[in-house]
Amino acid sequence: MNYYDIWCNIKDTRADVQFATNVNAFMAHLRENGLIESWTLSRRKLGFGPTELGEFNIRIVCKDLVQLDRAFDAAAARTGEFETLHAKVFSMVTDFRSGLTRDFPDAVRVVNS
């Protein structure tokens, strides 16, 4: 599996529940269209964690980079329902950071005994 992590803050912290609603709606739409496998949304607790990563973490799980690339293409087209839902999320975000990780060792990794 591949994990696309997004860390961010939101512009108005009073809108935290609306942010969660918007993220979940967009992620559900991506999943319903086969563009991701799953996602989680989490929030830093009690201020613990590196401040440069932001308060919120969205972890998007994809089976491979082809699937992730299709999800990026859907968002980048900026049309239809994908754009409507994506705009509701990114318009609330500030201090965006992202990273890409994978299960290790990879399923294709040859391990010598």
N, C-alpha and C. Protein backbone atom coordinates (compact mmCIF):
# COMPACT_ATOMS: atom_id res chain seq x y z
N MET A 1 0.83 -1.18 0.00
CA MET A 1 0.00 0.00 0.00
C MET A 1 0.88 1.25 0.00
N ASN A 2 0.34 2.31 -0.53
CA ASN A 2 0.99 3.61 -0.54
C ASN A 2 0.14 4.57 0.29
N TYR A 3 0.81 5.44 1.03
CA TYR A 3 0.14 6.36 1.93
C TYR A 3 0.52 7.78 1.57
N TYR A 4 -0.47 8.55 1.18
CA TYR A 4 -0.25 9.97 0.88
C TYR A 4 -0.74 10.72 2.11
N ASP A 5 0.20 11.31 2.84
CA ASP A 5 -0.13 12.04 4.06
C ASP A 5 -0.16 13.53 3.79
N ILE A 6 -1.19 14.17 4.29
CA ILE A 6 -1.32 15.62 4.23
C ILE A 6 -1.39 16.12 5.66
N TRP A 7 -0.55 17.08 5.98
CA TRP A 7 -0.61 17.77 7.27
C TRP A 7 -0.95 19.21 6.99
N CYS A 8 -1.81 19.79 7.80
CA CYS A 8 -2.21 21.17 7.56
C CYS A 8 -2.83 21.77 8.81
N ASN A 9 -3.00 23.05 8.75
CA ASN A 9 -3.84 23.78 9.70
C ASN A 9 -5.05 24.25 8.92
N ILE A 10 -6.05 24.72 9.62
CA ILE A 10 -7.18 25.34 8.93
C ILE A 10 -7.22 26.82 9.29
N LYS A 11 -7.72 27.60 8.36
CA LYS A 11 -7.71 29.05 8.51
C LYS A 11 -8.52 29.52 9.70
N ASP A 12 -9.66 28.89 9.93
CA ASP A 12 -10.54 29.27 11.03
C ASP A 12 -10.78 28.04 11.89
N THR A 13 -10.13 27.98 13.04
CA THR A 13 -10.23 26.78 13.89
C THR A 13 -11.63 26.57 14.44
N ARG A 14 -12.47 27.58 14.38
CA ARG A 14 -13.86 27.40 14.82
C ARG A 14 -14.64 26.54 13.83
N ALA A 15 -14.09 26.35 12.63
CA ALA A 15 -14.76 25.57 11.58
C ALA A 15 -14.21 24.15 11.51
N ASP A 16 -13.68 23.64 12.63
CA ASP A 16 -13.05 22.33 12.64
C ASP A 16 -13.99 21.20 12.25
N VAL A 17 -15.22 21.23 12.74
CA VAL A 17 -16.18 20.17 12.41
C VAL A 17 -16.59 20.27 10.94
N GLN A 18 -16.75 21.47 10.43
CA GLN A 18 -17.07 21.64 9.00
C GLN A 18 -15.93 21.13 8.13
N PHE A 19 -14.70 21.38 8.56
CA PHE A 19 -13.53 20.86 7.84
C PHE A 19 -13.60 19.34 7.77
N ALA A 20 -13.86 18.70 8.90
CA ALA A 20 -13.96 17.24 8.94
C ALA A 20 -15.07 16.74 8.01
N THR A 21 -16.20 17.41 8.03
CA THR A 21 -17.31 17.04 7.16
C THR A 21 -16.90 17.16 5.69
N ASN A 22 -16.22 18.24 5.34
CA ASN A 22 -15.79 18.46 3.96
C ASN A 22 -14.75 17.44 3.52
N VAL A 23 -13.78 17.15 4.37
CA VAL A 23 -12.76 16.14 4.04
C VAL A 23 -13.43 14.79 3.82
N ASN A 24 -14.30 14.41 4.73
CA ASN A 24 -14.95 13.10 4.61
C ASN A 24 -15.82 13.00 3.36
N ALA A 25 -16.48 14.06 2.98
CA ALA A 25 -17.29 14.04 1.76
C ALA A 25 -16.41 13.88 0.52
N PHE A 26 -15.30 14.60 0.46
CA PHE A 26 -14.41 14.51 -0.69
C PHE A 26 -13.74 13.14 -0.75
N MET A 27 -13.26 12.65 0.38
CA MET A 27 -12.61 11.34 0.39
C MET A 27 -13.59 10.23 0.04
N ALA A 28 -14.81 10.32 0.54
CA ALA A 28 -15.83 9.32 0.21
C ALA A 28 -16.10 9.31 -1.29
N HIS A 29 -16.13 10.48 -1.90
CA HIS A 29 -16.35 10.58 -3.36
C HIS A 29 -15.19 9.92 -4.11
N LEU A 30 -13.96 10.17 -3.66
CA LEU A 30 -12.81 9.53 -4.30
C LEU A 30 -12.90 8.00 -4.17
N ARG A 31 -13.27 7.55 -2.99
CA ARG A 31 -13.36 6.10 -2.76
C ARG A 31 -14.47 5.48 -3.60
N GLU A 32 -15.63 6.13 -3.63
CA GLU A 32 -16.77 5.61 -4.42
C GLU A 32 -16.40 5.49 -5.89
N ASN A 33 -15.47 6.31 -6.35
CA ASN A 33 -15.03 6.28 -7.75
C ASN A 33 -13.78 5.43 -7.96
N GLY A 34 -13.39 4.67 -6.95
CA GLY A 34 -12.25 3.76 -7.06
C GLY A 34 -10.90 4.43 -7.12
N LEU A 35 -10.83 5.69 -6.67
CA LEU A 35 -9.58 6.44 -6.79
C LEU A 35 -8.70 6.38 -5.55
N ILE A 36 -9.24 5.90 -4.45
CA ILE A 36 -8.47 5.62 -3.24
C ILE A 36 -9.07 4.38 -2.58
N GLU A 37 -8.32 3.77 -1.69
CA GLU A 37 -8.82 2.62 -0.95
C GLU A 37 -9.52 3.05 0.34
N SER A 38 -8.89 3.97 1.07
CA SER A 38 -9.45 4.45 2.33
C SER A 38 -8.73 5.72 2.75
N TRP A 39 -9.16 6.28 3.87
CA TRP A 39 -8.53 7.48 4.41
C TRP A 39 -8.82 7.56 5.90
N THR A 40 -8.01 8.36 6.56
CA THR A 40 -8.29 8.74 7.95
C THR A 40 -8.04 10.24 8.08
N LEU A 41 -8.74 10.82 8.99
CA LEU A 41 -8.52 12.22 9.36
C LEU A 41 -8.25 12.22 10.85
N SER A 42 -7.13 12.80 11.24
CA SER A 42 -6.81 12.88 12.66
C SER A 42 -6.35 14.30 12.99
N ARG A 43 -6.38 14.58 14.29
CA ARG A 43 -6.03 15.91 14.77
C ARG A 43 -5.03 15.76 15.91
N ARG A 44 -4.02 16.59 15.90
CA ARG A 44 -3.03 16.56 16.97
C ARG A 44 -3.73 16.73 18.31
N LYS A 45 -3.31 15.96 19.28
CA LYS A 45 -3.97 15.96 20.58
C LYS A 45 -3.10 16.68 21.61
N LEU A 46 -3.73 17.57 22.35
CA LEU A 46 -3.08 18.29 23.45
C LEU A 46 -1.83 19.04 23.00
N GLY A 47 -1.79 19.40 21.72
CA GLY A 47 -0.65 20.15 21.20
C GLY A 47 0.60 19.34 20.97
N PHE A 48 0.53 18.01 21.16
CA PHE A 48 1.71 17.17 20.96
C PHE A 48 1.98 16.97 19.48
N GLY A 49 3.23 17.09 19.10
CA GLY A 49 3.65 16.87 17.72
C GLY A 49 4.36 18.09 17.18
N PRO A 50 5.10 17.88 16.10
CA PRO A 50 5.84 18.99 15.49
C PRO A 50 4.90 20.04 14.92
N THR A 51 5.03 21.27 15.35
CA THR A 51 4.14 22.34 14.89
C THR A 51 4.25 22.57 13.39
N GLU A 52 5.42 22.31 12.81
CA GLU A 52 5.58 22.54 11.37
C GLU A 52 4.75 21.59 10.52
N LEU A 53 4.24 20.51 11.12
CA LEU A 53 3.38 19.59 10.37
C LEU A 53 1.92 19.99 10.41
N GLY A 54 1.54 20.90 11.26
CA GLY A 54 0.14 21.30 11.32
C GLY A 54 -0.66 20.46 12.27
N GLU A 55 -1.86 20.91 12.51
CA GLU A 55 -2.73 20.29 13.51
C GLU A 55 -3.49 19.08 12.99
N PHE A 56 -3.77 19.04 11.69
CA PHE A 56 -4.57 17.97 11.11
C PHE A 56 -3.72 17.09 10.20
N ASN A 57 -4.05 15.80 10.16
CA ASN A 57 -3.40 14.85 9.27
C ASN A 57 -4.48 14.08 8.52
N ILE A 58 -4.37 14.10 7.21
CA ILE A 58 -5.23 13.28 6.35
C ILE A 58 -4.32 12.21 5.75
N ARG A 59 -4.63 10.95 6.00
CA ARG A 59 -3.86 9.85 5.42
C ARG A 59 -4.73 9.18 4.37
N ILE A 60 -4.26 9.21 3.14
CA ILE A 60 -4.98 8.61 2.02
C ILE A 60 -4.25 7.33 1.63
N VAL A 61 -4.98 6.23 1.58
CA VAL A 61 -4.40 4.93 1.28
C VAL A 61 -4.77 4.55 -0.16
N CYS A 62 -3.72 4.22 -0.94
CA CYS A 62 -3.91 3.78 -2.32
C CYS A 62 -3.17 2.47 -2.52
N LYS A 63 -3.71 1.62 -3.39
CA LYS A 63 -3.06 0.33 -3.61
C LYS A 63 -1.76 0.47 -4.38
N ASP A 64 -1.68 1.49 -5.23
CA ASP A 64 -0.45 1.72 -5.99
C ASP A 64 -0.42 3.18 -6.46
N LEU A 65 0.68 3.55 -7.07
CA LEU A 65 0.83 4.94 -7.51
C LEU A 65 -0.05 5.26 -8.71
N VAL A 66 -0.45 4.26 -9.46
CA VAL A 66 -1.38 4.48 -10.57
C VAL A 66 -2.71 4.98 -10.02
N GLN A 67 -3.20 4.34 -8.98
CA GLN A 67 -4.47 4.76 -8.37
C GLN A 67 -4.33 6.17 -7.81
N LEU A 68 -3.23 6.46 -7.13
CA LEU A 68 -3.02 7.80 -6.58
C LEU A 68 -2.95 8.84 -7.70
N ASP A 69 -2.29 8.51 -8.79
CA ASP A 69 -2.19 9.43 -9.91
C ASP A 69 -3.57 9.72 -10.51
N ARG A 70 -4.43 8.72 -10.56
CA ARG A 70 -5.80 8.93 -11.06
C ARG A 70 -6.57 9.86 -10.12
N ALA A 71 -6.33 9.73 -8.82
CA ALA A 71 -6.98 10.63 -7.85
C ALA A 71 -6.50 12.06 -8.06
N PHE A 72 -5.18 12.22 -8.26
CA PHE A 72 -4.64 13.55 -8.53
C PHE A 72 -5.23 14.13 -9.82
N ASP A 73 -5.35 13.30 -10.85
CA ASP A 73 -5.93 13.76 -12.12
C ASP A 73 -7.36 14.24 -11.93
N ALA A 74 -8.14 13.52 -11.14
CA ALA A 74 -9.54 13.91 -10.90
C ALA A 74 -9.60 15.27 -10.21
N ALA A 75 -8.72 15.48 -9.23
CA ALA A 75 -8.70 16.77 -8.53
C ALA A 75 -8.16 17.88 -9.43
N ALA A 76 -7.15 17.56 -10.23
CA ALA A 76 -6.50 18.57 -11.07
C ALA A 76 -7.40 19.05 -12.21
N ALA A 77 -8.35 18.23 -12.63
CA ALA A 77 -9.25 18.62 -13.72
C ALA A 77 -10.11 19.81 -13.33
N ARG A 78 -10.38 19.96 -12.03
CA ARG A 78 -11.14 21.09 -11.49
C ARG A 78 -12.51 21.25 -12.16
N THR A 79 -13.19 20.11 -12.29
CA THR A 79 -14.52 20.13 -12.89
C THR A 79 -15.46 19.24 -12.09
N GLY A 80 -16.74 19.49 -12.27
CA GLY A 80 -17.77 18.62 -11.73
C GLY A 80 -17.76 18.51 -10.21
N GLU A 81 -18.28 17.37 -9.76
CA GLU A 81 -18.42 17.12 -8.33
C GLU A 81 -17.06 17.05 -7.63
N PHE A 82 -16.03 16.53 -8.34
CA PHE A 82 -14.69 16.49 -7.74
C PHE A 82 -14.24 17.90 -7.35
N GLU A 83 -14.43 18.85 -8.23
CA GLU A 83 -14.01 20.22 -7.93
C GLU A 83 -14.84 20.84 -6.81
N THR A 84 -16.13 20.62 -6.86
CA THR A 84 -17.01 21.18 -5.82
C THR A 84 -16.58 20.70 -4.44
N LEU A 85 -16.34 19.39 -4.31
CA LEU A 85 -15.96 18.83 -3.02
C LEU A 85 -14.53 19.20 -2.62
N HIS A 86 -13.61 19.18 -3.59
CA HIS A 86 -12.21 19.52 -3.33
C HIS A 86 -12.08 20.97 -2.88
N ALA A 87 -12.80 21.87 -3.53
CA ALA A 87 -12.73 23.29 -3.19
C ALA A 87 -13.18 23.55 -1.76
N LYS A 88 -14.16 22.79 -1.30
CA LYS A 88 -14.64 22.97 0.08
C LYS A 88 -13.55 22.61 1.09
N VAL A 89 -12.64 21.73 0.70
CA VAL A 89 -11.53 21.35 1.59
C VAL A 89 -10.39 22.35 1.45
N PHE A 90 -9.86 22.51 0.22
CA PHE A 90 -8.64 23.32 0.09
C PHE A 90 -8.86 24.78 0.41
N SER A 91 -10.08 25.27 0.32
CA SER A 91 -10.33 26.67 0.66
C SER A 91 -10.21 26.93 2.16
N MET A 92 -10.25 25.87 2.95
CA MET A 92 -10.15 25.99 4.42
C MET A 92 -8.72 25.80 4.94
N VAL A 93 -7.82 25.33 4.07
CA VAL A 93 -6.50 24.86 4.48
C VAL A 93 -5.44 25.96 4.39
N THR A 94 -4.53 25.91 5.36
CA THR A 94 -3.32 26.72 5.32
C THR A 94 -2.18 25.84 5.81
N ASP A 95 -0.96 26.24 5.55
CA ASP A 95 0.24 25.53 6.01
C ASP A 95 0.27 24.08 5.54
N PHE A 96 -0.03 23.86 4.28
CA PHE A 96 -0.09 22.53 3.67
C PHE A 96 1.30 21.89 3.61
N ARG A 97 1.38 20.64 4.03
CA ARG A 97 2.56 19.81 3.89
C ARG A 97 2.09 18.43 3.45
N SER A 98 2.93 17.71 2.71
CA SER A 98 2.52 16.37 2.30
C SER A 98 3.73 15.45 2.22
N GLY A 99 3.45 14.16 2.22
CA GLY A 99 4.48 13.15 2.09
C GLY A 99 3.90 11.86 1.55
N LEU A 100 4.77 11.04 1.00
CA LEU A 100 4.36 9.78 0.41
C LEU A 100 5.20 8.67 1.01
N THR A 101 4.55 7.66 1.59
CA THR A 101 5.25 6.53 2.17
C THR A 101 4.62 5.24 1.66
N ARG A 102 5.25 4.12 1.99
CA ARG A 102 4.78 2.82 1.52
C ARG A 102 5.03 1.78 2.60
N ASP A 103 4.32 0.67 2.48
CA ASP A 103 4.61 -0.46 3.35
C ASP A 103 6.04 -0.91 3.09
N PHE A 104 6.70 -1.38 4.12
CA PHE A 104 8.07 -1.84 3.96
C PHE A 104 8.29 -3.06 4.83
N PRO A 105 8.95 -4.09 4.34
CA PRO A 105 9.45 -4.17 2.97
C PRO A 105 8.31 -4.33 1.98
N ASP A 106 8.53 -3.85 0.78
CA ASP A 106 7.54 -3.94 -0.28
C ASP A 106 7.19 -5.40 -0.56
N ALA A 107 5.99 -5.62 -1.07
CA ALA A 107 5.56 -6.97 -1.42
C ALA A 107 6.46 -7.56 -2.50
N VAL A 108 7.04 -6.72 -3.33
CA VAL A 108 7.90 -7.20 -4.43
C VAL A 108 9.36 -7.32 -4.01
N ARG A 109 9.69 -6.95 -2.80
CA ARG A 109 11.07 -6.96 -2.33
C ARG A 109 11.57 -8.40 -2.15
N VAL A 110 12.72 -8.67 -2.75
CA VAL A 110 13.35 -9.98 -2.58
C VAL A 110 14.21 -9.91 -1.32
N VAL A 111 13.90 -10.78 -0.38
CA VAL A 111 14.65 -10.80 0.88
C VAL A 111 15.46 -12.09 0.90
N ASN A 112 16.78 -11.94 0.94
CA ASN A 112 17.66 -13.12 0.98
C ASN A 112 17.81 -13.58 2.42
N SER A 113 17.73 -14.87 2.61
CA SER A 113 17.87 -15.44 3.95
C SER A 113 19.31 -15.67 4.30
